[in-house]
Structures are given as C-alpha cells and as structure tokens.
Amino acid sequence: MKFTFGYNRLGYCELSLTMHTAPNGGRPYSVLVVDDHEDTRQMSLIVLRSQGFEPAVADSGDAAFDRACELGPDVIVTDLAMPDGDGWDLIQKLATDPRTKDIPVVMLTACATEAVRSRAKHEGLAAFFFKPCAPDVLAAELRRLCDRRSRTIVA
C-alpha cells in the first residue's frame, strides 16, 4: 500500500492510495473487524481495502457474532475492551458455535500485558497484536491466515 499526499493545481489537498490486488486474482479475502471505536473501524476499512481485503465491521461482541454468522468471514480481528462484554466473551462464543468455530480470530488490543498475551495463546487465537500495529504487518498476517485456511478448506 502506498499513500500519496499533495495539492492539486487548484490548491486542494489530495490523498491517493495504491491498492494491492486480491490474492491470485481471485475473490478478496473477507475480514470482520470488531472495535467499539468508530475511528478505528473506519481506518480499518480504508487500510484493509487498500491491502486487497474485503472488510466488514461490527461495533460490539454481539453485533460481531451476528455478522460472523451472516457473512462467514475468512478471518476476524477483534479488540479486547468493548462495552457489551469483552473480546474474550466473543472468542468463546465463536469457538463454541459450529458456524464460526473454524474462523481464525486475531486480537488487536491496547491492553499490552503479558497476562493478556498468555491468555490469548491459551484461548487458541490465531494471532495477537498490540495497538498500534503497522498496517502491512497486520495485513501480511491476515493474508497468511487466509491462505492457510483456504488451502485447508480445499484439501
């Protein structure tokens, strides 16, 4: 992804993105992003689209579970701290439902403690990142998880 910032000939500010294409020219991988902060959800949409993903968002654990059942995303990225139950509640719910139990879950959180990281490993999360996280690092991990999942489903 490449951002270009400048001014056009009329003096207006312009921002352009160079987008990545979908893997192997096929359908883009779908990512459900769960975060209670509107600005984080909007930035996630912009960044993930620019990386060739097809993102969707949810603002709570309950909404995320409903969206996951509806959309069947390739991967879910969730925050930990949310108002209607935390990310752990969502992870448990996803893991025990037959419709969502095979979807990899990635945690992206500002709760940077060793206890949180340890629990994430114990809960079987596919990946774990502290905020802030470089967009290309997150995108590379999401692509790796999606590629692995698509090979498992095909095989």
C-alpha atoms as a PDB file:
ATOM      1  CA  MET A   1       0.000   0.000   0.000  1.00  0.00           C
ATOM      2  CA  LYS A   2       1.298   3.398  -0.909  1.00  0.00           C
ATOM      3  CA  PHE A   3      -0.184   6.703   0.227  1.00  0.00           C
ATOM      4  CA  THR A   4       0.466   9.835  -1.799  1.00  0.00           C
ATOM      5  CA  PHE A   5      -0.363  13.229  -0.342  1.00  0.00           C
ATOM      6  CA  GLY A   6      -0.206  16.555  -2.141  1.00  0.00           C
ATOM      7  CA  TYR A   7      -2.057  19.504  -3.568  1.00  0.00           C
ATOM      8  CA  ASN A   8      -3.744  19.663  -6.977  1.00  0.00           C
ATOM      9  CA  ARG A   9      -3.449  22.592  -9.397  1.00  0.00           C
ATOM     10  CA  LEU A  10      -6.366  24.355  -7.685  1.00  0.00           C
ATOM     11  CA  GLY A  11      -4.677  24.163  -4.291  1.00  0.00           C
ATOM     12  CA  TYR A  12      -6.909  21.433  -2.863  1.00  0.00           C
ATOM     13  CA  CYS A  13      -5.397  18.682  -0.751  1.00  0.00           C
ATOM     14  CA  GLU A  14      -5.420  15.237  -2.391  1.00  0.00           C
ATOM     15  CA  LEU A  15      -4.761  11.809  -0.961  1.00  0.00           C
ATOM     16  CA  SER A  16      -4.383   8.774  -3.186  1.00  0.00           C
ATOM     17  CA  LEU A  17      -3.851   5.112  -2.411  1.00  0.00           C
ATOM     18  CA  THR A  18      -2.122   2.470  -4.455  1.00  0.00           C
ATOM     19  CA  MET A  19      -4.120  -0.676  -3.815  1.00  0.00           C
ATOM     20  CA  HIS A  20      -2.954  -4.276  -3.602  1.00  0.00           C
ATOM     21  CA  THR A  21      -4.867  -6.759  -5.710  1.00  0.00           C
ATOM     22  CA  ALA A  22      -6.747  -9.780  -4.460  1.00  0.00           C
ATOM     23  CA  PRO A  23      -4.723 -12.989  -3.971  1.00  0.00           C
ATOM     24  CA  ASN A  24      -4.082 -14.823  -7.232  1.00  0.00           C
ATOM     25  CA  GLY A  25      -6.546 -12.511  -8.985  1.00  0.00           C
ATOM     26  CA  GLY A  26      -9.415 -14.278  -7.156  1.00  0.00           C
ATOM     27  CA  ARG A  27     -12.018 -13.019  -4.742  1.00  0.00           C
ATOM     28  CA  PRO A  28     -10.636 -10.873  -1.950  1.00  0.00           C
ATOM     29  CA  TYR A  29     -10.376 -12.392   1.488  1.00  0.00           C
ATOM     30  CA  SER A  30     -13.078 -11.155   3.855  1.00  0.00           C
ATOM     31  CA  VAL A  31     -12.155  -9.706   7.245  1.00  0.00           C
ATOM     32  CA  LEU A  32     -14.551  -8.808  10.046  1.00  0.00           C
ATOM     33  CA  VAL A  33     -13.127  -6.075  12.283  1.00  0.00           C
ATOM     34  CA  VAL A  34     -14.644  -5.694  15.758  1.00  0.00           C
ATOM     35  CA  ASP A  35     -13.966  -2.474  17.644  1.00  0.00           C
ATOM     36  CA  ASP A  36     -16.178  -0.142  19.637  1.00  0.00           C
ATOM     37  CA  HIS A  37     -14.362   2.988  18.398  1.00  0.00           C
ATOM     38  CA  GLU A  38     -15.793   4.426  15.180  1.00  0.00           C
ATOM     39  CA  ASP A  39     -12.476   5.958  14.076  1.00  0.00           C
ATOM     40  CA  THR A  40     -10.705   2.594  14.410  1.00  0.00           C
ATOM     41  CA  ARG A  41     -13.427   0.863  12.379  1.00  0.00           C
ATOM     42  CA  GLN A  42     -13.246   3.489   9.628  1.00  0.00           C
ATOM     43  CA  MET A  43      -9.453   3.382   9.455  1.00  0.00           C
ATOM     44  CA  SER A  44      -9.592  -0.414   9.332  1.00  0.00           C
ATOM     45  CA  LEU A  45     -11.941  -0.241   6.348  1.00  0.00           C
ATOM     46  CA  ILE A  46      -9.576   2.075   4.471  1.00  0.00           C
ATOM     47  CA  VAL A  47      -6.400   0.148   5.277  1.00  0.00           C
ATOM     48  CA  LEU A  48      -7.815  -3.326   4.644  1.00  0.00           C
ATOM     49  CA  ARG A  49      -9.402  -2.310   1.328  1.00  0.00           C
ATOM     50  CA  SER A  50      -6.092  -0.818   0.255  1.00  0.00           C
ATOM     51  CA  GLN A  51      -4.444  -4.155   1.066  1.00  0.00           C
ATOM     52  CA  GLY A  52      -6.882  -6.060  -1.163  1.00  0.00           C
ATOM     53  CA  PHE A  53      -9.208  -7.373   1.556  1.00  0.00           C
ATOM     54  CA  GLU A  54     -12.986  -7.139   1.695  1.00  0.00           C
ATOM     55  CA  PRO A  55     -13.591  -5.732   5.188  1.00  0.00           C
ATOM     56  CA  ALA A  56     -16.758  -5.563   7.259  1.00  0.00           C
ATOM     57  CA  VAL A  57     -17.089  -4.031  10.709  1.00  0.00           C
ATOM     58  CA  ALA A  58     -19.005  -4.522  13.947  1.00  0.00           C
ATOM     59  CA  ASP A  59     -19.075  -2.266  16.996  1.00  0.00           C
ATOM     60  CA  SER A  60     -19.692  -4.865  19.703  1.00  0.00           C
ATOM     61  CA  GLY A  61     -19.252  -8.529  20.520  1.00  0.00           C
ATOM     62  CA  ASP A  62     -22.939  -9.278  19.984  1.00  0.00           C
ATOM     63  CA  ALA A  63     -23.010  -7.492  16.630  1.00  0.00           C
ATOM     64  CA  ALA A  64     -19.779  -9.253  15.647  1.00  0.00           C
ATOM     65  CA  PHE A  65     -21.184 -12.687  16.388  1.00  0.00           C
ATOM     66  CA  ASP A  66     -24.282 -11.944  14.293  1.00  0.00           C
ATOM     67  CA  ARG A  67     -22.146 -10.588  11.426  1.00  0.00           C
ATOM     68  CA  ALA A  68     -19.804 -13.583  11.597  1.00  0.00           C
ATOM     69  CA  CYS A  69     -22.755 -15.973  11.292  1.00  0.00           C
ATOM     70  CA  GLU A  70     -24.206 -13.914   8.446  1.00  0.00           C
ATOM     71  CA  LEU A  71     -21.015 -13.285   6.452  1.00  0.00           C
ATOM     72  CA  GLY A  72     -18.768 -16.239   7.284  1.00  0.00           C
ATOM     73  CA  PRO A  73     -15.598 -14.128   7.021  1.00  0.00           C
ATOM     74  CA  ASP A  74     -12.214 -15.641   6.270  1.00  0.00           C
ATOM     75  CA  VAL A  75     -10.769 -14.090   9.450  1.00  0.00           C
ATOM     76  CA  ILE A  76     -11.957 -11.959  12.394  1.00  0.00           C
ATOM     77  CA  VAL A  77      -9.926  -9.195  14.031  1.00  0.00           C
ATOM     78  CA  THR A  78     -11.237  -8.160  17.444  1.00  0.00           C
ATOM     79  CA  ASP A  79     -10.407  -5.668  20.129  1.00  0.00           C
ATOM     80  CA  LEU A  80     -10.385  -6.814  23.727  1.00  0.00           C
ATOM     81  CA  ALA A  81     -12.148  -3.988  25.579  1.00  0.00           C
ATOM     82  CA  MET A  82     -15.743  -3.410  24.470  1.00  0.00           C
ATOM     83  CA  PRO A  83     -18.815  -2.111  26.296  1.00  0.00           C
ATOM     84  CA  ASP A  84     -21.131  -5.156  25.998  1.00  0.00           C
ATOM     85  CA  GLY A  85     -18.730  -7.859  27.054  1.00  0.00           C
ATOM     86  CA  ASP A  86     -15.096  -8.153  26.175  1.00  0.00           C
ATOM     87  CA  GLY A  87     -13.259  -9.818  23.321  1.00  0.00           C
ATOM     88  CA  TRP A  88     -12.839 -12.953  25.425  1.00  0.00           C
ATOM     89  CA  ASP A  89     -16.627 -13.402  25.533  1.00  0.00           C
ATOM     90  CA  LEU A  90     -16.774 -13.086  21.751  1.00  0.00           C
ATOM     91  CA  ILE A  91     -13.921 -15.555  21.272  1.00  0.00           C
ATOM     92  CA  GLN A  92     -15.664 -18.144  23.472  1.00  0.00           C
ATOM     93  CA  LYS A  93     -18.945 -17.681  21.616  1.00  0.00           C
ATOM     94  CA  LEU A  94     -17.258 -18.023  18.214  1.00  0.00           C
ATOM     95  CA  ALA A  95     -15.295 -21.109  19.310  1.00  0.00           C
ATOM     96  CA  THR A  96     -18.369 -22.988  20.509  1.00  0.00           C
ATOM     97  CA  ASP A  97     -20.691 -22.307  17.568  1.00  0.00           C
ATOM     98  CA  PRO A  98     -20.442 -24.733  14.619  1.00  0.00           C
ATOM     99  CA  ARG A  99     -20.951 -21.871  12.137  1.00  0.00           C
ATOM    100  CA  THR A 100     -17.954 -19.902  13.380  1.00  0.00           C
ATOM    101  CA  LYS A 101     -15.619 -22.324  15.201  1.00  0.00           C
ATOM    102  CA  ASP A 102     -13.236 -22.682  12.241  1.00  0.00           C
ATOM    103  CA  ILE A 103     -12.797 -18.956  11.558  1.00  0.00           C
ATOM    104  CA  PRO A 104      -9.352 -17.760  12.686  1.00  0.00           C
ATOM    105  CA  VAL A 105      -9.514 -14.952  15.257  1.00  0.00           C
ATOM    106  CA  VAL A 106      -6.845 -12.291  15.656  1.00  0.00           C
ATOM    107  CA  MET A 107      -6.743  -9.995  18.664  1.00  0.00           C
ATOM    108  CA  LEU A 108      -5.633  -6.391  18.177  1.00  0.00           C
ATOM    109  CA  THR A 109      -5.620  -4.618  21.530  1.00  0.00           C
ATOM    110  CA  ALA A 110      -4.130  -1.767  23.513  1.00  0.00           C
ATOM    111  CA  CYS A 111      -4.105  -3.993  26.636  1.00  0.00           C
ATOM    112  CA  ALA A 112      -0.390  -4.679  26.442  1.00  0.00           C
ATOM    113  CA  THR A 113       0.211  -7.062  29.321  1.00  0.00           C
ATOM    114  CA  GLU A 114       1.888 -10.436  29.491  1.00  0.00           C
ATOM    115  CA  ALA A 115      -1.250 -11.856  31.151  1.00  0.00           C
ATOM    116  CA  VAL A 116      -3.338 -10.869  28.118  1.00  0.00           C
ATOM    117  CA  ARG A 117      -0.785 -12.337  25.709  1.00  0.00           C
ATOM    118  CA  SER A 118      -0.646 -15.548  27.737  1.00  0.00           C
ATOM    119  CA  ARG A 119      -4.424 -15.887  27.804  1.00  0.00           C
ATOM    120  CA  ALA A 120      -4.578 -15.235  24.050  1.00  0.00           C
ATOM    121  CA  LYS A 121      -2.236 -18.168  23.494  1.00  0.00           C
ATOM    122  CA  HIS A 122      -4.272 -20.343  25.888  1.00  0.00           C
ATOM    123  CA  GLU A 123      -7.552 -19.413  24.116  1.00  0.00           C
ATOM    124  CA  GLY A 124      -6.098 -20.555  20.797  1.00  0.00           C
ATOM    125  CA  LEU A 125      -6.103 -17.231  18.976  1.00  0.00           C
ATOM    126  CA  ALA A 126      -4.582 -17.368  15.519  1.00  0.00           C
ATOM    127  CA  ALA A 127      -2.527 -14.216  16.168  1.00  0.00           C
ATOM    128  CA  PHE A 128      -2.150 -11.423  18.682  1.00  0.00           C
ATOM    129  CA  PHE A 129      -1.046  -7.805  18.152  1.00  0.00           C
ATOM    130  CA  PHE A 130      -0.705  -4.798  20.410  1.00  0.00           C
ATOM    131  CA  LYS A 131      -2.017  -1.425  19.214  1.00  0.00           C
ATOM    132  CA  PRO A 132      -0.671   0.408  17.422  1.00  0.00           C
ATOM    133  CA  CYS A 133       0.283  -2.160  14.808  1.00  0.00           C
ATOM    134  CA  ALA A 134       1.808  -1.407  11.410  1.00  0.00           C
ATOM    135  CA  PRO A 135      -0.872  -1.968   8.756  1.00  0.00           C
ATOM    136  CA  ASP A 136       1.377  -4.030   6.472  1.00  0.00           C
ATOM    137  CA  VAL A 137       2.402  -6.307   9.354  1.00  0.00           C
ATOM    138  CA  LEU A 138      -1.237  -6.970  10.242  1.00  0.00           C
ATOM    139  CA  ALA A 139      -2.201  -7.401   6.577  1.00  0.00           C
ATOM    140  CA  ALA A 140       0.626  -9.893   5.991  1.00  0.00           C
ATOM    141  CA  GLU A 141      -0.525 -11.992   8.948  1.00  0.00           C
ATOM    142  CA  LEU A 142      -4.176 -11.840   7.854  1.00  0.00           C
ATOM    143  CA  ARG A 143      -3.189 -12.908   4.339  1.00  0.00           C
ATOM    144  CA  ARG A 144      -1.100 -15.781   5.747  1.00  0.00           C
ATOM    145  CA  LEU A 145      -4.013 -16.987   7.886  1.00  0.00           C
ATOM    146  CA  CYS A 146      -6.476 -16.706   4.999  1.00  0.00           C
ATOM    147  CA  ASP A 147      -4.139 -18.514   2.603  1.00  0.00           C
ATOM    148  CA  ARG A 148      -3.680 -21.333   5.123  1.00  0.00           C
ATOM    149  CA  ARG A 149      -7.432 -21.568   5.752  1.00  0.00           C
ATOM    150  CA  SER A 150      -8.279 -21.631   2.040  1.00  0.00           C
ATOM    151  CA  ARG A 151      -5.774 -24.460   1.475  1.00  0.00           C
ATOM    152  CA  THR A 152      -7.326 -26.394   4.390  1.00  0.00           C
ATOM    153  CA  ILE A 153     -10.855 -25.959   3.045  1.00  0.00           C
ATOM    154  CA  VAL A 154      -9.851 -27.016  -0.475  1.00  0.00           C
ATOM    155  CA  ALA A 155      -7.851 -30.043   0.686  1.00  0.00           C
END
